[in-house]
């Protein structure tokens, strides 16, 4: 376990019973894998970037548990050059890695991803800071071009 995941687990445990910050991982025994343990994984999230199509067809806001591990898969169909941005979203999570064409990237910070052609990016992360955040297509104004997340 890395120093960060040990510190994060300790902070989450210390916050138990302390009001809104009392959110905890999804399982009691995280084991050697820590917060990345398979028992601590939320449902996968899928977004599609396509010209004239909604970004996410499911219910919104998407509920995330602080301290839980998630995978966000963003697929672009190549119909247009499209980006997705959400600085508040990226500031409220800890990114484990971004995988593009089997290349694993472990970034310190992200503001946006841009797709010039068809492809898929998978972001694995741990939700950290409670609140309401969004991912959206830059410059768009329609509700179908944004996805709301609620981290609790």
N, C-alpha and C. Protein backbone atom coordinates (compact mmCIF):
# COMPACT_ATOMS: atom_id res chain seq x y z
N UNK A 1 0.83 -1.16 0.00
CA UNK A 1 0.00 0.00 0.00
C UNK A 1 0.89 1.24 0.00
N UNK A 2 0.54 2.24 -0.79
CA UNK A 2 1.34 3.46 -0.84
C UNK A 2 1.09 4.31 0.40
N UNK A 3 1.98 5.26 0.64
CA UNK A 3 1.80 6.16 1.78
C UNK A 3 0.50 6.93 1.63
N UNK A 4 0.17 7.33 0.40
CA UNK A 4 -1.05 8.08 0.17
C UNK A 4 -2.28 7.26 0.54
N UNK A 5 -2.35 6.01 0.09
CA UNK A 5 -3.53 5.20 0.39
C UNK A 5 -3.63 4.89 1.88
N UNK A 6 -2.48 4.73 2.57
CA UNK A 6 -2.50 4.54 4.02
C UNK A 6 -3.03 5.79 4.71
N UNK A 7 -2.55 6.95 4.29
CA UNK A 7 -3.00 8.21 4.89
C UNK A 7 -4.48 8.44 4.60
N UNK A 8 -4.90 8.14 3.37
CA UNK A 8 -6.30 8.32 3.00
C UNK A 8 -7.19 7.39 3.81
N UNK A 9 -6.80 6.13 3.96
CA UNK A 9 -7.58 5.19 4.75
C UNK A 9 -7.67 5.64 6.20
N UNK A 10 -6.57 6.15 6.76
CA UNK A 10 -6.57 6.63 8.13
C UNK A 10 -7.49 7.84 8.28
N UNK A 11 -7.42 8.75 7.30
CA UNK A 11 -8.28 9.94 7.36
C UNK A 11 -9.75 9.57 7.28
N UNK A 12 -10.07 8.61 6.41
CA UNK A 12 -11.46 8.17 6.30
C UNK A 12 -11.92 7.50 7.58
N UNK A 13 -11.07 6.68 8.17
CA UNK A 13 -11.43 6.00 9.42
C UNK A 13 -11.58 7.01 10.55
N UNK A 14 -10.73 8.02 10.61
CA UNK A 14 -10.80 9.03 11.66
C UNK A 14 -12.07 9.87 11.54
N UNK A 15 -12.59 10.00 10.33
CA UNK A 15 -13.78 10.81 10.11
C UNK A 15 -15.07 10.08 10.42
N UNK A 16 -15.01 8.82 10.77
CA UNK A 16 -16.23 8.04 11.04
C UNK A 16 -17.03 8.71 12.14
N UNK A 17 -18.32 8.94 11.87
CA UNK A 17 -19.21 9.53 12.84
C UNK A 17 -19.08 11.04 12.93
N UNK A 18 -18.39 11.67 12.02
CA UNK A 18 -18.16 13.11 12.09
C UNK A 18 -19.03 13.88 11.11
N UNK A 19 -20.27 13.49 10.93
CA UNK A 19 -21.17 14.22 10.05
C UNK A 19 -21.00 13.84 8.60
N UNK A 20 -21.13 14.82 7.67
CA UNK A 20 -21.09 14.52 6.24
C UNK A 20 -19.78 13.92 5.78
N UNK A 21 -18.69 14.13 6.52
CA UNK A 21 -17.42 13.57 6.11
C UNK A 21 -17.25 12.14 6.59
N UNK A 22 -18.30 11.52 7.14
CA UNK A 22 -18.21 10.19 7.71
C UNK A 22 -18.32 9.09 6.66
N UNK A 23 -18.39 9.43 5.38
CA UNK A 23 -18.48 8.41 4.35
C UNK A 23 -17.27 7.49 4.45
N UNK A 24 -17.50 6.22 4.22
CA UNK A 24 -16.43 5.23 4.37
C UNK A 24 -16.39 4.33 3.15
N UNK A 25 -15.30 3.59 2.99
CA UNK A 25 -15.23 2.64 1.88
C UNK A 25 -16.41 1.66 1.91
N UNK A 26 -16.62 0.96 0.83
CA UNK A 26 -17.76 0.06 0.70
C UNK A 26 -17.59 -1.26 1.44
N UNK A 27 -16.38 -1.60 1.89
CA UNK A 27 -16.16 -2.86 2.60
C UNK A 27 -15.35 -2.62 3.87
N UNK A 28 -15.46 -3.53 4.83
CA UNK A 28 -14.80 -3.38 6.12
C UNK A 28 -13.34 -3.82 6.10
N UNK A 29 -13.03 -4.87 5.33
CA UNK A 29 -11.69 -5.42 5.32
C UNK A 29 -11.03 -5.13 3.98
N UNK A 30 -10.32 -4.00 3.90
CA UNK A 30 -9.72 -3.61 2.64
C UNK A 30 -8.51 -4.46 2.27
N UNK A 31 -7.84 -5.05 3.25
CA UNK A 31 -6.72 -5.93 2.99
C UNK A 31 -5.54 -5.21 2.36
N UNK A 32 -4.66 -6.00 1.73
CA UNK A 32 -3.42 -5.48 1.18
C UNK A 32 -3.65 -4.44 0.08
N UNK A 33 -4.71 -4.58 -0.71
CA UNK A 33 -4.96 -3.66 -1.82
C UNK A 33 -5.48 -2.30 -1.36
N UNK A 34 -5.84 -2.17 -0.10
CA UNK A 34 -6.33 -0.89 0.41
C UNK A 34 -7.62 -0.47 -0.28
N UNK A 35 -7.72 0.82 -0.57
CA UNK A 35 -8.94 1.36 -1.18
C UNK A 35 -9.20 0.80 -2.57
N UNK A 36 -8.20 0.20 -3.21
CA UNK A 36 -8.37 -0.37 -4.55
C UNK A 36 -8.87 -1.82 -4.50
N UNK A 37 -9.19 -2.32 -3.31
CA UNK A 37 -9.65 -3.71 -3.14
C UNK A 37 -10.94 -3.94 -3.95
N UNK A 38 -11.12 -5.14 -4.43
CA UNK A 38 -12.29 -5.45 -5.26
C UNK A 38 -13.60 -5.26 -4.51
N UNK A 39 -13.60 -5.44 -3.19
CA UNK A 39 -14.84 -5.26 -2.43
C UNK A 39 -15.20 -3.78 -2.28
N UNK A 40 -14.30 -2.88 -2.62
CA UNK A 40 -14.52 -1.45 -2.47
C UNK A 40 -14.87 -0.76 -3.79
N UNK A 41 -15.27 -1.53 -4.79
CA UNK A 41 -15.53 -0.96 -6.12
C UNK A 41 -17.01 -0.67 -6.35
N UNK A 42 -17.25 0.54 -6.80
CA UNK A 42 -18.61 0.92 -7.19
C UNK A 42 -18.89 0.45 -8.60
N UNK A 43 -20.11 0.68 -9.04
CA UNK A 43 -20.51 0.28 -10.39
C UNK A 43 -19.72 1.08 -11.44
N UNK A 44 -19.32 0.44 -12.54
CA UNK A 44 -18.63 1.17 -13.62
C UNK A 44 -19.53 2.26 -14.20
N UNK A 45 -18.91 3.33 -14.67
CA UNK A 45 -19.63 4.46 -15.26
C UNK A 45 -19.20 4.55 -16.71
N UNK A 46 -20.18 4.64 -17.63
CA UNK A 46 -19.87 4.72 -19.05
C UNK A 46 -20.43 6.01 -19.63
N UNK A 47 -19.58 6.74 -20.34
CA UNK A 47 -19.98 7.95 -21.04
C UNK A 47 -19.63 7.80 -22.51
N UNK A 48 -20.46 8.39 -23.39
CA UNK A 48 -20.21 8.32 -24.82
C UNK A 48 -20.15 9.73 -25.41
N UNK A 49 -19.04 10.02 -26.10
CA UNK A 49 -18.90 11.28 -26.81
C UNK A 49 -19.27 11.05 -28.26
N UNK A 50 -20.39 11.64 -28.68
CA UNK A 50 -20.85 11.51 -30.06
C UNK A 50 -21.58 12.79 -30.43
N UNK A 51 -21.34 13.24 -31.63
CA UNK A 51 -21.96 14.46 -32.11
C UNK A 51 -23.49 14.35 -32.07
N UNK A 52 -24.14 15.29 -31.38
CA UNK A 52 -25.60 15.32 -31.33
C UNK A 52 -26.23 14.30 -30.40
N UNK A 53 -25.45 13.56 -29.64
CA UNK A 53 -25.99 12.54 -28.73
C UNK A 53 -25.76 12.96 -27.28
N UNK A 54 -26.64 12.51 -26.35
CA UNK A 54 -26.42 12.85 -24.95
C UNK A 54 -25.14 12.19 -24.43
N UNK A 55 -24.49 12.86 -23.50
CA UNK A 55 -23.25 12.36 -22.92
C UNK A 55 -23.50 11.12 -22.06
N UNK A 56 -24.62 11.11 -21.36
CA UNK A 56 -24.96 9.98 -20.48
C UNK A 56 -26.47 9.77 -20.52
N UNK A 57 -26.90 8.56 -20.81
CA UNK A 57 -28.33 8.29 -20.96
C UNK A 57 -28.99 7.86 -19.65
N UNK A 58 -28.23 7.57 -18.61
CA UNK A 58 -28.79 7.08 -17.36
C UNK A 58 -29.27 8.19 -16.44
N UNK A 59 -29.70 7.78 -15.25
CA UNK A 59 -30.19 8.71 -14.24
C UNK A 59 -29.07 9.62 -13.76
N UNK A 60 -29.45 10.87 -13.44
CA UNK A 60 -28.49 11.83 -12.91
C UNK A 60 -29.07 12.45 -11.66
N UNK A 61 -28.30 12.86 -10.71
CA UNK A 61 -26.86 12.75 -10.69
C UNK A 61 -26.41 11.31 -10.44
N UNK A 62 -25.21 11.00 -10.87
CA UNK A 62 -24.61 9.70 -10.59
C UNK A 62 -24.06 9.77 -9.17
N UNK A 63 -24.52 8.86 -8.32
CA UNK A 63 -24.12 8.85 -6.92
C UNK A 63 -22.80 8.12 -6.74
N UNK A 64 -21.84 8.77 -6.08
CA UNK A 64 -20.55 8.16 -5.77
C UNK A 64 -20.35 8.19 -4.25
N UNK A 65 -19.73 7.16 -3.73
CA UNK A 65 -19.43 7.07 -2.30
C UNK A 65 -18.00 7.53 -2.06
N UNK A 66 -17.81 8.51 -1.18
CA UNK A 66 -16.46 8.95 -0.84
C UNK A 66 -15.69 7.78 -0.25
N UNK A 67 -14.49 7.55 -0.74
CA UNK A 67 -13.66 6.44 -0.28
C UNK A 67 -13.80 5.19 -1.12
N UNK A 68 -14.73 5.18 -2.08
CA UNK A 68 -14.92 4.01 -2.94
C UNK A 68 -14.18 4.20 -4.26
N UNK A 69 -13.84 3.06 -4.87
CA UNK A 69 -13.07 3.02 -6.12
C UNK A 69 -14.03 2.85 -7.29
N UNK A 70 -13.81 3.60 -8.37
CA UNK A 70 -14.68 3.56 -9.55
C UNK A 70 -13.85 3.51 -10.82
N UNK A 71 -14.48 3.04 -11.89
CA UNK A 71 -13.90 3.12 -13.22
C UNK A 71 -14.87 3.87 -14.11
N UNK A 72 -14.36 4.91 -14.77
CA UNK A 72 -15.12 5.73 -15.70
C UNK A 72 -14.58 5.46 -17.09
N UNK A 73 -15.44 4.94 -17.96
CA UNK A 73 -15.02 4.65 -19.34
C UNK A 73 -15.67 5.67 -20.26
N UNK A 74 -14.83 6.41 -20.97
CA UNK A 74 -15.30 7.43 -21.90
C UNK A 74 -14.97 6.95 -23.31
N UNK A 75 -16.01 6.79 -24.13
CA UNK A 75 -15.82 6.30 -25.49
C UNK A 75 -16.28 7.37 -26.48
N UNK A 76 -15.41 7.72 -27.42
CA UNK A 76 -15.74 8.65 -28.49
C UNK A 76 -15.98 7.84 -29.76
N UNK A 77 -17.05 8.18 -30.47
CA UNK A 77 -17.36 7.43 -31.69
C UNK A 77 -16.67 7.98 -32.93
N UNK A 78 -15.96 9.11 -32.80
CA UNK A 78 -15.23 9.67 -33.93
C UNK A 78 -16.06 10.54 -34.85
N UNK A 79 -17.33 10.78 -34.50
CA UNK A 79 -18.19 11.59 -35.36
C UNK A 79 -17.80 13.06 -35.37
N UNK A 80 -17.06 13.49 -34.36
CA UNK A 80 -16.57 14.86 -34.28
C UNK A 80 -15.41 14.91 -33.31
N UNK A 81 -14.61 15.95 -33.39
CA UNK A 81 -13.55 16.16 -32.42
C UNK A 81 -14.20 16.74 -31.16
N UNK A 82 -14.23 15.96 -30.09
CA UNK A 82 -14.93 16.36 -28.87
C UNK A 82 -14.04 16.21 -27.65
N UNK A 83 -14.29 17.05 -26.67
CA UNK A 83 -13.55 16.99 -25.41
C UNK A 83 -14.54 16.86 -24.27
N UNK A 84 -14.01 16.51 -23.13
CA UNK A 84 -14.80 16.47 -21.90
C UNK A 84 -13.96 17.16 -20.84
N UNK A 85 -14.60 18.06 -20.10
CA UNK A 85 -13.88 18.82 -19.09
C UNK A 85 -14.65 18.82 -17.78
N UNK A 86 -13.95 19.04 -16.70
CA UNK A 86 -14.59 19.07 -15.39
C UNK A 86 -13.57 19.24 -14.28
N UNK A 87 -13.00 20.42 -14.17
CA UNK A 87 -11.94 20.63 -13.19
C UNK A 87 -12.42 20.34 -11.76
N UNK A 88 -13.67 20.69 -11.42
CA UNK A 88 -14.19 20.38 -10.08
C UNK A 88 -14.28 18.88 -9.86
N UNK A 89 -14.72 18.15 -10.87
CA UNK A 89 -14.78 16.69 -10.76
C UNK A 89 -13.38 16.13 -10.49
N UNK A 90 -12.41 16.54 -11.30
CA UNK A 90 -11.06 16.00 -11.16
C UNK A 90 -10.38 16.43 -9.86
N UNK A 91 -10.78 17.55 -9.29
CA UNK A 91 -10.22 17.98 -8.00
C UNK A 91 -10.82 17.23 -6.82
N UNK A 92 -11.98 16.64 -7.00
CA UNK A 92 -12.65 15.95 -5.90
C UNK A 92 -12.40 14.44 -5.89
N UNK A 93 -11.52 13.97 -6.77
CA UNK A 93 -11.19 12.54 -6.81
C UNK A 93 -9.67 12.38 -6.78
N UNK A 94 -9.25 11.16 -6.44
CA UNK A 94 -7.84 10.79 -6.58
C UNK A 94 -7.78 9.84 -7.77
N UNK A 95 -7.01 10.20 -8.79
CA UNK A 95 -6.92 9.38 -10.00
C UNK A 95 -5.84 8.33 -9.81
N UNK A 96 -6.24 7.06 -9.92
CA UNK A 96 -5.28 5.97 -9.88
C UNK A 96 -4.53 5.92 -11.20
N UNK A 97 -5.29 5.86 -12.31
CA UNK A 97 -4.66 5.84 -13.63
C UNK A 97 -5.67 6.16 -14.71
N UNK A 98 -5.15 6.59 -15.86
CA UNK A 98 -5.93 6.75 -17.08
C UNK A 98 -5.31 5.79 -18.09
N UNK A 99 -6.14 4.94 -18.69
CA UNK A 99 -5.65 3.97 -19.66
C UNK A 99 -6.20 4.32 -21.04
N UNK A 100 -5.28 4.52 -21.99
CA UNK A 100 -5.64 4.80 -23.38
C UNK A 100 -4.82 3.86 -24.25
N UNK A 101 -5.48 3.03 -25.06
CA UNK A 101 -4.80 2.06 -25.92
C UNK A 101 -3.77 1.23 -25.14
N UNK A 102 -4.17 0.71 -24.00
CA UNK A 102 -3.31 -0.12 -23.14
C UNK A 102 -2.08 0.61 -22.62
N UNK A 103 -2.08 1.94 -22.68
CA UNK A 103 -1.01 2.74 -22.09
C UNK A 103 -1.55 3.32 -20.80
N UNK A 104 -0.89 3.02 -19.69
CA UNK A 104 -1.33 3.48 -18.38
C UNK A 104 -0.64 4.78 -18.03
N UNK A 105 -1.45 5.78 -17.69
CA UNK A 105 -0.94 7.10 -17.32
C UNK A 105 -1.34 7.35 -15.88
N UNK A 106 -0.39 7.76 -15.06
CA UNK A 106 -0.67 8.07 -13.67
C UNK A 106 -0.43 9.57 -13.45
N UNK A 107 -1.46 10.37 -13.71
CA UNK A 107 -1.29 11.83 -13.67
C UNK A 107 -1.40 12.41 -12.26
N UNK A 108 -0.79 13.55 -12.07
CA UNK A 108 -0.96 14.30 -10.83
C UNK A 108 -2.24 15.13 -10.87
N UNK A 109 -2.61 15.60 -12.06
CA UNK A 109 -3.81 16.43 -12.20
C UNK A 109 -4.32 16.33 -13.64
N UNK A 110 -5.62 16.52 -13.80
CA UNK A 110 -6.26 16.50 -15.12
C UNK A 110 -7.32 17.59 -15.12
N UNK A 111 -7.47 18.27 -16.24
CA UNK A 111 -8.55 19.24 -16.39
C UNK A 111 -9.54 18.78 -17.45
N UNK A 112 -9.02 18.13 -18.51
CA UNK A 112 -9.90 17.69 -19.58
C UNK A 112 -9.23 16.59 -20.40
N UNK A 113 -10.05 15.91 -21.20
CA UNK A 113 -9.58 14.94 -22.18
C UNK A 113 -10.20 15.32 -23.52
N UNK A 114 -9.41 15.27 -24.60
CA UNK A 114 -9.93 15.58 -25.92
C UNK A 114 -9.71 14.39 -26.83
N UNK A 115 -10.75 14.05 -27.58
CA UNK A 115 -10.71 12.93 -28.52
C UNK A 115 -10.74 13.50 -29.93
N UNK A 116 -9.67 13.32 -30.68
CA UNK A 116 -9.60 13.76 -32.07
C UNK A 116 -10.17 12.71 -33.02
N UNK A 117 -10.25 11.48 -32.55
CA UNK A 117 -10.76 10.36 -33.36
C UNK A 117 -11.48 9.39 -32.42
N UNK A 118 -12.04 8.34 -32.99
CA UNK A 118 -12.71 7.33 -32.17
C UNK A 118 -11.71 6.67 -31.22
N UNK A 119 -12.17 6.37 -30.03
CA UNK A 119 -11.30 5.72 -29.07
C UNK A 119 -11.93 5.68 -27.69
N UNK A 120 -11.24 5.04 -26.76
CA UNK A 120 -11.74 4.89 -25.40
C UNK A 120 -10.64 5.24 -24.41
N UNK A 121 -11.03 5.95 -23.36
CA UNK A 121 -10.15 6.23 -22.23
C UNK A 121 -10.84 5.72 -20.98
N UNK A 122 -10.11 5.00 -20.15
CA UNK A 122 -10.67 4.48 -18.90
C UNK A 122 -9.93 5.14 -17.74
N UNK A 123 -10.69 5.80 -16.87
CA UNK A 123 -10.12 6.47 -15.70
C UNK A 123 -10.54 5.69 -14.47
N UNK A 124 -9.56 5.20 -13.70
CA UNK A 124 -9.88 4.56 -12.43
C UNK A 124 -9.53 5.56 -11.33
N UNK A 125 -10.43 5.69 -10.36
CA UNK A 125 -10.27 6.72 -9.35
C UNK A 125 -10.97 6.35 -8.05
N UNK A 126 -10.61 7.08 -7.01
CA UNK A 126 -11.29 6.98 -5.71
C UNK A 126 -11.95 8.33 -5.49
N UNK A 127 -13.27 8.31 -5.25
CA UNK A 127 -14.00 9.54 -4.93
C UNK A 127 -13.55 10.00 -3.56
N UNK A 128 -13.26 11.29 -3.42
CA UNK A 128 -12.71 11.80 -2.16
C UNK A 128 -13.63 12.82 -1.50
N UNK A 129 -13.72 13.98 -2.08
CA UNK A 129 -14.38 15.12 -1.44
C UNK A 129 -15.87 15.16 -1.76
N UNK A 130 -16.72 15.11 -0.74
CA UNK A 130 -18.17 15.17 -0.98
C UNK A 130 -18.60 16.47 -1.63
N UNK A 131 -19.63 16.38 -2.45
CA UNK A 131 -20.18 17.55 -3.11
C UNK A 131 -20.78 17.19 -4.45
N UNK A 132 -21.29 18.20 -5.14
CA UNK A 132 -21.87 18.04 -6.48
C UNK A 132 -20.89 18.60 -7.50
N UNK A 133 -20.57 17.79 -8.50
CA UNK A 133 -19.62 18.18 -9.54
C UNK A 133 -20.15 17.69 -10.88
N UNK A 134 -19.52 18.13 -11.97
CA UNK A 134 -19.98 17.70 -13.29
C UNK A 134 -18.82 17.55 -14.26
N UNK A 135 -19.07 16.73 -15.27
CA UNK A 135 -18.23 16.63 -16.46
C UNK A 135 -19.10 17.13 -17.60
N UNK A 136 -18.51 17.87 -18.53
CA UNK A 136 -19.31 18.39 -19.64
C UNK A 136 -18.46 18.56 -20.88
N UNK A 137 -19.13 18.73 -21.99
CA UNK A 137 -18.47 19.04 -23.25
C UNK A 137 -18.26 20.55 -23.25
N UNK A 138 -17.01 21.02 -23.35
CA UNK A 138 -16.72 22.46 -23.27
C UNK A 138 -17.49 23.26 -24.31
N UNK A 139 -18.00 24.41 -23.88
CA UNK A 139 -18.72 25.29 -24.78
C UNK A 139 -20.17 24.90 -25.00
N UNK A 140 -20.59 23.78 -24.45
CA UNK A 140 -21.98 23.35 -24.63
C UNK A 140 -22.85 23.97 -23.54
N UNK A 141 -24.14 24.11 -23.85
CA UNK A 141 -25.07 24.68 -22.89
C UNK A 141 -26.21 23.74 -22.53
N UNK A 142 -26.40 22.68 -23.31
CA UNK A 142 -27.51 21.77 -23.08
C UNK A 142 -27.27 20.80 -21.93
N UNK A 143 -28.33 20.46 -21.22
CA UNK A 143 -28.23 19.50 -20.12
C UNK A 143 -27.79 18.12 -20.59
N UNK A 144 -28.07 17.76 -21.84
CA UNK A 144 -27.68 16.45 -22.36
C UNK A 144 -26.17 16.36 -22.59
N UNK A 145 -25.49 17.51 -22.57
CA UNK A 145 -24.05 17.54 -22.83
C UNK A 145 -23.23 17.65 -21.54
N UNK A 146 -23.86 17.31 -20.41
CA UNK A 146 -23.17 17.32 -19.13
C UNK A 146 -23.65 16.15 -18.27
N UNK A 147 -22.79 15.72 -17.37
CA UNK A 147 -23.14 14.64 -16.45
C UNK A 147 -22.90 15.16 -15.04
N UNK A 148 -23.91 15.06 -14.21
CA UNK A 148 -23.81 15.48 -12.81
C UNK A 148 -23.41 14.30 -11.94
N UNK A 149 -22.51 14.55 -10.97
CA UNK A 149 -22.09 13.55 -9.99
C UNK A 149 -22.35 14.11 -8.61
N UNK A 150 -22.76 13.25 -7.71
CA UNK A 150 -22.93 13.61 -6.31
C UNK A 150 -22.06 12.68 -5.49
N UNK A 151 -21.02 13.24 -4.88
CA UNK A 151 -20.14 12.44 -4.03
C UNK A 151 -20.63 12.62 -2.60
N UNK A 152 -20.96 11.51 -1.96
CA UNK A 152 -21.47 11.59 -0.58
C UNK A 152 -20.57 10.84 0.36
